[in-house]
PDB file of all heavy atoms in Angstrom:
ATOM      1  N   GLU A   1      -2.567  10.143  11.657  1.00  0.00           N
ATOM      2  CA  GLU A   1      -2.350  11.372  12.419  1.00  0.00           C
ATOM      3  C   GLU A   1      -1.792  12.552  11.533  1.00  0.00           C
ATOM      4  O   GLU A   1      -1.752  13.657  11.927  1.00  0.00           O
ATOM      5  CB  GLU A   1      -1.378  11.179  13.568  1.00  0.00           C
ATOM      6  CG  GLU A   1      -1.818  10.171  14.629  1.00  0.00           C
ATOM      7  CD  GLU A   1      -0.963   9.940  15.818  1.00  0.00           C
ATOM      8  OE1 GLU A   1      -0.079  10.835  15.993  1.00  0.00           O
ATOM      9  OE2 GLU A   1      -1.263   9.026  16.437  1.00  0.00           O
ATOM     10  N   SER A   2      -1.411  12.269  10.297  1.00  0.00           N
ATOM     11  CA  SER A   2      -0.917  13.214   9.316  1.00  0.00           C
ATOM     12  C   SER A   2      -1.171  12.724   7.945  1.00  0.00           C
ATOM     13  O   SER A   2      -1.466  11.504   7.728  1.00  0.00           O
ATOM     14  CB  SER A   2       0.658  13.470   9.441  1.00  0.00           C
ATOM     15  OG  SER A   2       1.308  12.221   9.094  1.00  0.00           O
ATOM     16  N   LEU A   3      -1.179  13.526   6.902  1.00  0.00           N
ATOM     17  CA  LEU A   3      -1.236  13.071   5.541  1.00  0.00           C
ATOM     18  C   LEU A   3      -0.194  12.072   5.222  1.00  0.00           C
ATOM     19  O   LEU A   3      -0.351  11.161   4.405  1.00  0.00           O
ATOM     20  CB  LEU A   3      -1.262  14.308   4.545  1.00  0.00           C
ATOM     21  CG  LEU A   3      -2.552  15.047   4.544  1.00  0.00           C
ATOM     22  CD1 LEU A   3      -2.376  16.374   3.650  1.00  0.00           C
ATOM     23  CD2 LEU A   3      -3.727  14.292   4.054  1.00  0.00           C
ATOM     24  N   GLU A   4       1.038  12.415   5.709  1.00  0.00           N
ATOM     25  CA  GLU A   4       2.055  11.365   5.418  1.00  0.00           C
ATOM     26  C   GLU A   4       1.869  10.036   5.936  1.00  0.00           C
ATOM     27  O   GLU A   4       2.087   9.159   5.243  1.00  0.00           O
ATOM     28  CB  GLU A   4       3.485  11.964   6.114  1.00  0.00           C
ATOM     29  CG  GLU A   4       4.022  13.244   5.446  1.00  0.00           C
ATOM     30  CD  GLU A   4       3.308  14.580   5.931  1.00  0.00           C
ATOM     31  OE1 GLU A   4       2.471  14.453   6.777  1.00  0.00           O
ATOM     32  OE2 GLU A   4       3.722  15.513   5.307  1.00  0.00           O
ATOM     33  N   GLU A   5       1.230   9.962   7.168  1.00  0.00           N
ATOM     34  CA  GLU A   5       0.981   8.607   7.616  1.00  0.00           C
ATOM     35  C   GLU A   5      -0.168   7.997   6.767  1.00  0.00           C
ATOM     36  O   GLU A   5      -0.072   6.805   6.472  1.00  0.00           O
ATOM     37  CB  GLU A   5       0.444   8.664   9.140  1.00  0.00           C
ATOM     38  CG  GLU A   5       0.136   7.302   9.767  1.00  0.00           C
ATOM     39  CD  GLU A   5      -0.366   7.372  11.179  1.00  0.00           C
ATOM     40  OE1 GLU A   5      -0.443   8.478  11.722  1.00  0.00           O
ATOM     41  OE2 GLU A   5      -0.620   6.337  11.688  1.00  0.00           O
ATOM     42  N   ALA A   6      -1.198   8.649   6.447  1.00  0.00           N
ATOM     43  CA  ALA A   6      -2.276   8.123   5.594  1.00  0.00           C
ATOM     44  C   ALA A   6      -1.671   7.709   4.210  1.00  0.00           C
ATOM     45  O   ALA A   6      -2.067   6.676   3.671  1.00  0.00           O
ATOM     46  CB  ALA A   6      -3.354   9.169   5.446  1.00  0.00           C
ATOM     47  N   TYR A   7      -0.720   8.461   3.691  1.00  0.00           N
ATOM     48  CA  TYR A   7      -0.024   8.151   2.466  1.00  0.00           C
ATOM     49  C   TYR A   7       0.808   6.835   2.658  1.00  0.00           C
ATOM     50  O   TYR A   7       0.784   5.914   1.665  1.00  0.00           O
ATOM     51  CB  TYR A   7       0.892   9.357   2.043  1.00  0.00           C
ATOM     52  CG  TYR A   7       1.528   9.036   0.726  1.00  0.00           C
ATOM     53  CD1 TYR A   7       0.967   9.134  -0.441  1.00  0.00           C
ATOM     54  CD2 TYR A   7       2.976   8.740   0.752  1.00  0.00           C
ATOM     55  CE1 TYR A   7       1.631   8.843  -1.667  1.00  0.00           C
ATOM     56  CE2 TYR A   7       3.597   8.476  -0.508  1.00  0.00           C
ATOM     57  CZ  TYR A   7       3.007   8.575  -1.643  1.00  0.00           C
ATOM     58  OH  TYR A   7       3.717   8.356  -2.799  1.00  0.00           O
ATOM     59  N   LEU A   8       1.451   6.662   3.732  1.00  0.00           N
ATOM     60  CA  LEU A   8       2.191   5.462   4.012  1.00  0.00           C
ATOM     61  C   LEU A   8       1.299   4.237   3.962  1.00  0.00           C
ATOM     62  O   LEU A   8       1.651   3.217   3.372  1.00  0.00           O
ATOM     63  CB  LEU A   8       2.904   5.555   5.399  1.00  0.00           C
ATOM     64  CG  LEU A   8       3.595   4.309   5.903  1.00  0.00           C
ATOM     65  CD1 LEU A   8       4.758   3.976   5.021  1.00  0.00           C
ATOM     66  CD2 LEU A   8       3.965   4.409   7.381  1.00  0.00           C
ATOM     67  N   TYR A   9       0.140   4.269   4.585  1.00  0.00           N
ATOM     68  CA  TYR A   9      -0.809   3.183   4.592  1.00  0.00           C
ATOM     69  C   TYR A   9      -1.249   2.863   3.132  1.00  0.00           C
ATOM     70  O   TYR A   9      -1.336   1.748   2.733  1.00  0.00           O
ATOM     71  CB  TYR A   9      -2.098   3.423   5.452  1.00  0.00           C
ATOM     72  CG  TYR A   9      -1.776   3.486   6.900  1.00  0.00           C
ATOM     73  CD1 TYR A   9      -2.107   4.546   7.729  1.00  0.00           C
ATOM     74  CD2 TYR A   9      -1.126   2.428   7.570  1.00  0.00           C
ATOM     75  CE1 TYR A   9      -1.796   4.682   9.104  1.00  0.00           C
ATOM     76  CE2 TYR A   9      -0.865   2.415   8.922  1.00  0.00           C
ATOM     77  CZ  TYR A   9      -1.104   3.488   9.696  1.00  0.00           C
ATOM     78  OH  TYR A   9      -0.930   3.587  11.000  1.00  0.00           O
ATOM     79  N   THR A  10      -1.553   3.919   2.406  1.00  0.00           N
ATOM     80  CA  THR A  10      -2.039   3.814   1.053  1.00  0.00           C
ATOM     81  C   THR A  10      -0.929   3.101   0.142  1.00  0.00           C
ATOM     82  O   THR A  10      -1.298   2.263  -0.541  1.00  0.00           O
ATOM     83  CB  THR A  10      -2.485   5.148   0.436  1.00  0.00           C
ATOM     84  OG1 THR A  10      -3.422   5.727   1.270  1.00  0.00           O
ATOM     85  CG2 THR A  10      -2.919   5.050  -1.009  1.00  0.00           C
ATOM     86  N   MET A  11       0.262   3.620   0.226  1.00  0.00           N
ATOM     87  CA  MET A  11       1.330   3.094  -0.617  1.00  0.00           C
ATOM     88  C   MET A  11       1.753   1.649  -0.168  1.00  0.00           C
ATOM     89  O   MET A  11       1.979   0.833  -0.963  1.00  0.00           O
ATOM     90  CB  MET A  11       2.579   4.015  -0.596  1.00  0.00           C
ATOM     91  CG  MET A  11       2.251   5.292  -1.232  1.00  0.00           C
ATOM     92  SD  MET A  11       1.437   5.226  -2.861  1.00  0.00           S
ATOM     93  CE  MET A  11       2.578   4.358  -3.829  1.00  0.00           C
ATOM     94  N   SER A  12       1.712   1.380   1.125  1.00  0.00           N
ATOM     95  CA  SER A  12       2.010   0.054   1.540  1.00  0.00           C
ATOM     96  C   SER A  12       0.929  -0.959   1.165  1.00  0.00           C
ATOM     97  O   SER A  12       1.267  -2.072   0.695  1.00  0.00           O
ATOM     98  CB  SER A  12       2.097   0.023   3.100  1.00  0.00           C
ATOM     99  OG  SER A  12       3.268   0.798   3.570  1.00  0.00           O
ATOM    100  N   LEU A  13      -0.258  -0.535   1.175  1.00  0.00           N
ATOM    101  CA  LEU A  13      -1.373  -1.401   0.756  1.00  0.00           C
ATOM    102  C   LEU A  13      -1.264  -1.639  -0.808  1.00  0.00           C
ATOM    103  O   LEU A  13      -1.361  -2.798  -1.291  1.00  0.00           O
ATOM    104  CB  LEU A  13      -2.793  -0.753   1.069  1.00  0.00           C
ATOM    105  CG  LEU A  13      -3.906  -1.559   0.565  1.00  0.00           C
ATOM    106  CD1 LEU A  13      -4.972  -1.629   1.711  1.00  0.00           C
ATOM    107  CD2 LEU A  13      -4.575  -0.949  -0.618  1.00  0.00           C
ATOM    108  N   GLU A  14      -0.965  -0.572  -1.507  1.00  0.00           N
ATOM    109  CA  GLU A  14      -0.882  -0.753  -2.950  1.00  0.00           C
ATOM    110  C   GLU A  14       0.313  -1.677  -3.330  1.00  0.00           C
ATOM    111  O   GLU A  14       0.247  -2.499  -4.197  1.00  0.00           O
ATOM    112  CB  GLU A  14      -0.741   0.582  -3.643  1.00  0.00           C
ATOM    113  CG  GLU A  14      -0.602   0.476  -5.210  1.00  0.00           C
ATOM    114  CD  GLU A  14      -1.724  -0.047  -5.951  1.00  0.00           C
ATOM    115  OE1 GLU A  14      -2.742  -0.536  -5.381  1.00  0.00           O
ATOM    116  OE2 GLU A  14      -1.600  -0.106  -7.183  1.00  0.00           O
ATOM    117  N   SER A  15       1.436  -1.464  -2.631  1.00  0.00           N
ATOM    118  CA  SER A  15       2.558  -2.386  -2.889  1.00  0.00           C
ATOM    119  C   SER A  15       2.182  -3.872  -2.639  1.00  0.00           C
ATOM    120  O   SER A  15       2.523  -4.768  -3.378  1.00  0.00           O
ATOM    121  CB  SER A  15       3.699  -1.889  -2.025  1.00  0.00           C
ATOM    122  OG  SER A  15       4.836  -2.748  -2.203  1.00  0.00           O
ATOM    123  N   SER A  16       1.506  -4.047  -1.455  1.00  0.00           N
ATOM    124  CA  SER A  16       1.132  -5.486  -1.145  1.00  0.00           C
ATOM    125  C   SER A  16       0.127  -6.002  -2.188  1.00  0.00           C
ATOM    126  O   SER A  16       0.221  -7.172  -2.567  1.00  0.00           O
ATOM    127  CB  SER A  16       0.336  -5.498   0.290  1.00  0.00           C
ATOM    128  OG  SER A  16       1.372  -5.213   1.332  1.00  0.00           O
ATOM    129  N   CYS A  17      -0.721  -5.219  -2.677  1.00  0.00           N
ATOM    130  CA  CYS A  17      -1.722  -5.630  -3.624  1.00  0.00           C
ATOM    131  C   CYS A  17      -1.028  -5.941  -4.941  1.00  0.00           C
ATOM    132  O   CYS A  17      -1.332  -6.898  -5.663  1.00  0.00           O
ATOM    133  CB  CYS A  17      -2.763  -4.555  -3.892  1.00  0.00           C
ATOM    134  SG  CYS A  17      -3.988  -4.497  -2.513  1.00  0.00           S
ATOM    135  N   PHE A  18       0.037  -5.203  -5.374  1.00  0.00           N
ATOM    136  CA  PHE A  18       0.848  -5.406  -6.536  1.00  0.00           C
ATOM    137  C   PHE A  18       1.388  -6.787  -6.403  1.00  0.00           C
ATOM    138  O   PHE A  18       1.331  -7.658  -7.331  1.00  0.00           O
ATOM    139  CB  PHE A  18       1.922  -4.450  -6.649  1.00  0.00           C
ATOM    140  CG  PHE A  18       2.943  -4.590  -7.784  1.00  0.00           C
ATOM    141  CD1 PHE A  18       2.624  -4.042  -8.982  1.00  0.00           C
ATOM    142  CD2 PHE A  18       4.087  -5.345  -7.561  1.00  0.00           C
ATOM    143  CE1 PHE A  18       3.614  -4.361 -10.077  1.00  0.00           C
ATOM    144  CE2 PHE A  18       5.050  -5.531  -8.483  1.00  0.00           C
ATOM    145  CZ  PHE A  18       4.725  -4.997  -9.811  1.00  0.00           C
ATOM    146  N   PHE A  19       2.038  -7.186  -5.301  1.00  0.00           N
ATOM    147  CA  PHE A  19       2.652  -8.467  -5.166  1.00  0.00           C
ATOM    148  C   PHE A  19       1.554  -9.533  -5.186  1.00  0.00           C
ATOM    149  O   PHE A  19       1.765 -10.602  -5.769  1.00  0.00           O
ATOM    150  CB  PHE A  19       3.400  -8.602  -3.851  1.00  0.00           C
ATOM    151  CG  PHE A  19       4.673  -7.700  -3.794  1.00  0.00           C
ATOM    152  CD1 PHE A  19       4.851  -6.770  -2.803  1.00  0.00           C
ATOM    153  CD2 PHE A  19       5.661  -7.872  -4.819  1.00  0.00           C
ATOM    154  CE1 PHE A  19       5.923  -5.932  -2.781  1.00  0.00           C
ATOM    155  CE2 PHE A  19       6.843  -7.138  -4.760  1.00  0.00           C
ATOM    156  CZ  PHE A  19       7.011  -6.155  -3.806  1.00  0.00           C
ATOM    157  N   LEU A  20       0.405  -9.411  -4.438  1.00  0.00           N
ATOM    158  CA  LEU A  20      -0.641 -10.405  -4.370  1.00  0.00           C
ATOM    159  C   LEU A  20      -1.243 -10.667  -5.701  1.00  0.00           C
ATOM    160  O   LEU A  20      -1.418 -11.791  -6.172  1.00  0.00           O
ATOM    161  CB  LEU A  20      -1.643 -10.019  -3.393  1.00  0.00           C
ATOM    162  CG  LEU A  20      -1.327 -10.077  -1.909  1.00  0.00           C
ATOM    163  CD1 LEU A  20      -2.277  -9.340  -1.077  1.00  0.00           C
ATOM    164  CD2 LEU A  20      -1.137 -11.516  -1.545  1.00  0.00           C
ATOM    165  N   TYR A  21      -1.481  -9.645  -6.482  1.00  0.00           N
ATOM    166  CA  TYR A  21      -1.970  -9.770  -7.814  1.00  0.00           C
ATOM    167  C   TYR A  21      -1.090 -10.590  -8.739  1.00  0.00           C
ATOM    168  O   TYR A  21      -1.480 -11.480  -9.408  1.00  0.00           O
ATOM    169  CB  TYR A  21      -2.264  -8.432  -8.534  1.00  0.00           C
ATOM    170  CG  TYR A  21      -2.605  -8.512  -9.975  1.00  0.00           C
ATOM    171  CD1 TYR A  21      -3.973  -8.920 -10.278  1.00  0.00           C
ATOM    172  CD2 TYR A  21      -1.744  -8.293 -10.968  1.00  0.00           C
ATOM    173  CE1 TYR A  21      -4.332  -9.112 -11.637  1.00  0.00           C
ATOM    174  CE2 TYR A  21      -2.108  -8.481 -12.327  1.00  0.00           C
ATOM    175  CZ  TYR A  21      -3.435  -8.839 -12.619  1.00  0.00           C
ATOM    176  OH  TYR A  21      -3.791  -9.003 -13.980  1.00  0.00           O
ATOM    177  N   HIS A  22       0.196 -10.307  -8.704  1.00  0.00           N
ATOM    178  CA  HIS A  22       1.221 -10.929  -9.632  1.00  0.00           C
ATOM    179  C   HIS A  22       1.416 -12.464  -9.128  1.00  0.00           C
ATOM    180  O   HIS A  22       1.549 -13.309  -9.919  1.00  0.00           O
ATOM    181  CB  HIS A  22       2.497 -10.165  -9.736  1.00  0.00           C
ATOM    182  CG  HIS A  22       2.389  -8.992 -10.625  1.00  0.00           C
ATOM    183  ND1 HIS A  22       2.005  -7.758 -10.137  1.00  0.00           N
ATOM    184  CD2 HIS A  22       2.544  -8.881 -11.945  1.00  0.00           C
ATOM    185  CE1 HIS A  22       1.946  -6.907 -11.142  1.00  0.00           C
ATOM    186  NE2 HIS A  22       2.225  -7.561 -12.271  1.00  0.00           N
ATOM    187  N   LEU A  23       1.327 -12.612  -7.835  1.00  0.00           N
ATOM    188  CA  LEU A  23       1.425 -13.968  -7.314  1.00  0.00           C
ATOM    189  C   LEU A  23       0.237 -14.862  -7.790  1.00  0.00           C
ATOM    190  O   LEU A  23       0.325 -16.031  -8.140  1.00  0.00           O
ATOM    191  CB  LEU A  23       1.520 -14.008  -5.867  1.00  0.00           C
ATOM    192  CG  LEU A  23       2.956 -13.673  -5.239  1.00  0.00           C
ATOM    193  CD1 LEU A  23       2.867 -13.475  -3.687  1.00  0.00           C
ATOM    194  CD2 LEU A  23       3.920 -14.718  -5.640  1.00  0.00           C
ATOM    195  N   GLU A  24      -0.966 -14.177  -7.752  1.00  0.00           N
ATOM    196  CA  GLU A  24      -2.163 -14.909  -8.264  1.00  0.00           C
ATOM    197  C   GLU A  24      -2.017 -15.339  -9.762  1.00  0.00           C
ATOM    198  O   GLU A  24      -2.427 -16.334 -10.139  1.00  0.00           O
ATOM    199  CB  GLU A  24      -3.409 -14.084  -8.102  1.00  0.00           C
ATOM    200  CG  GLU A  24      -3.944 -14.112  -6.775  1.00  0.00           C
ATOM    201  CD  GLU A  24      -5.311 -13.373  -6.548  1.00  0.00           C
ATOM    202  OE1 GLU A  24      -6.089 -13.240  -7.551  1.00  0.00           O
ATOM    203  OE2 GLU A  24      -5.687 -12.988  -5.379  1.00  0.00           O
TER     204      GLU A  24
END
């Protein structure tokens, strides 16, 4: 609904991917 919300999704996804990659 805003750029801030789209940014929140982007940063949350990237943070999750950071953890998943390192766990792998």
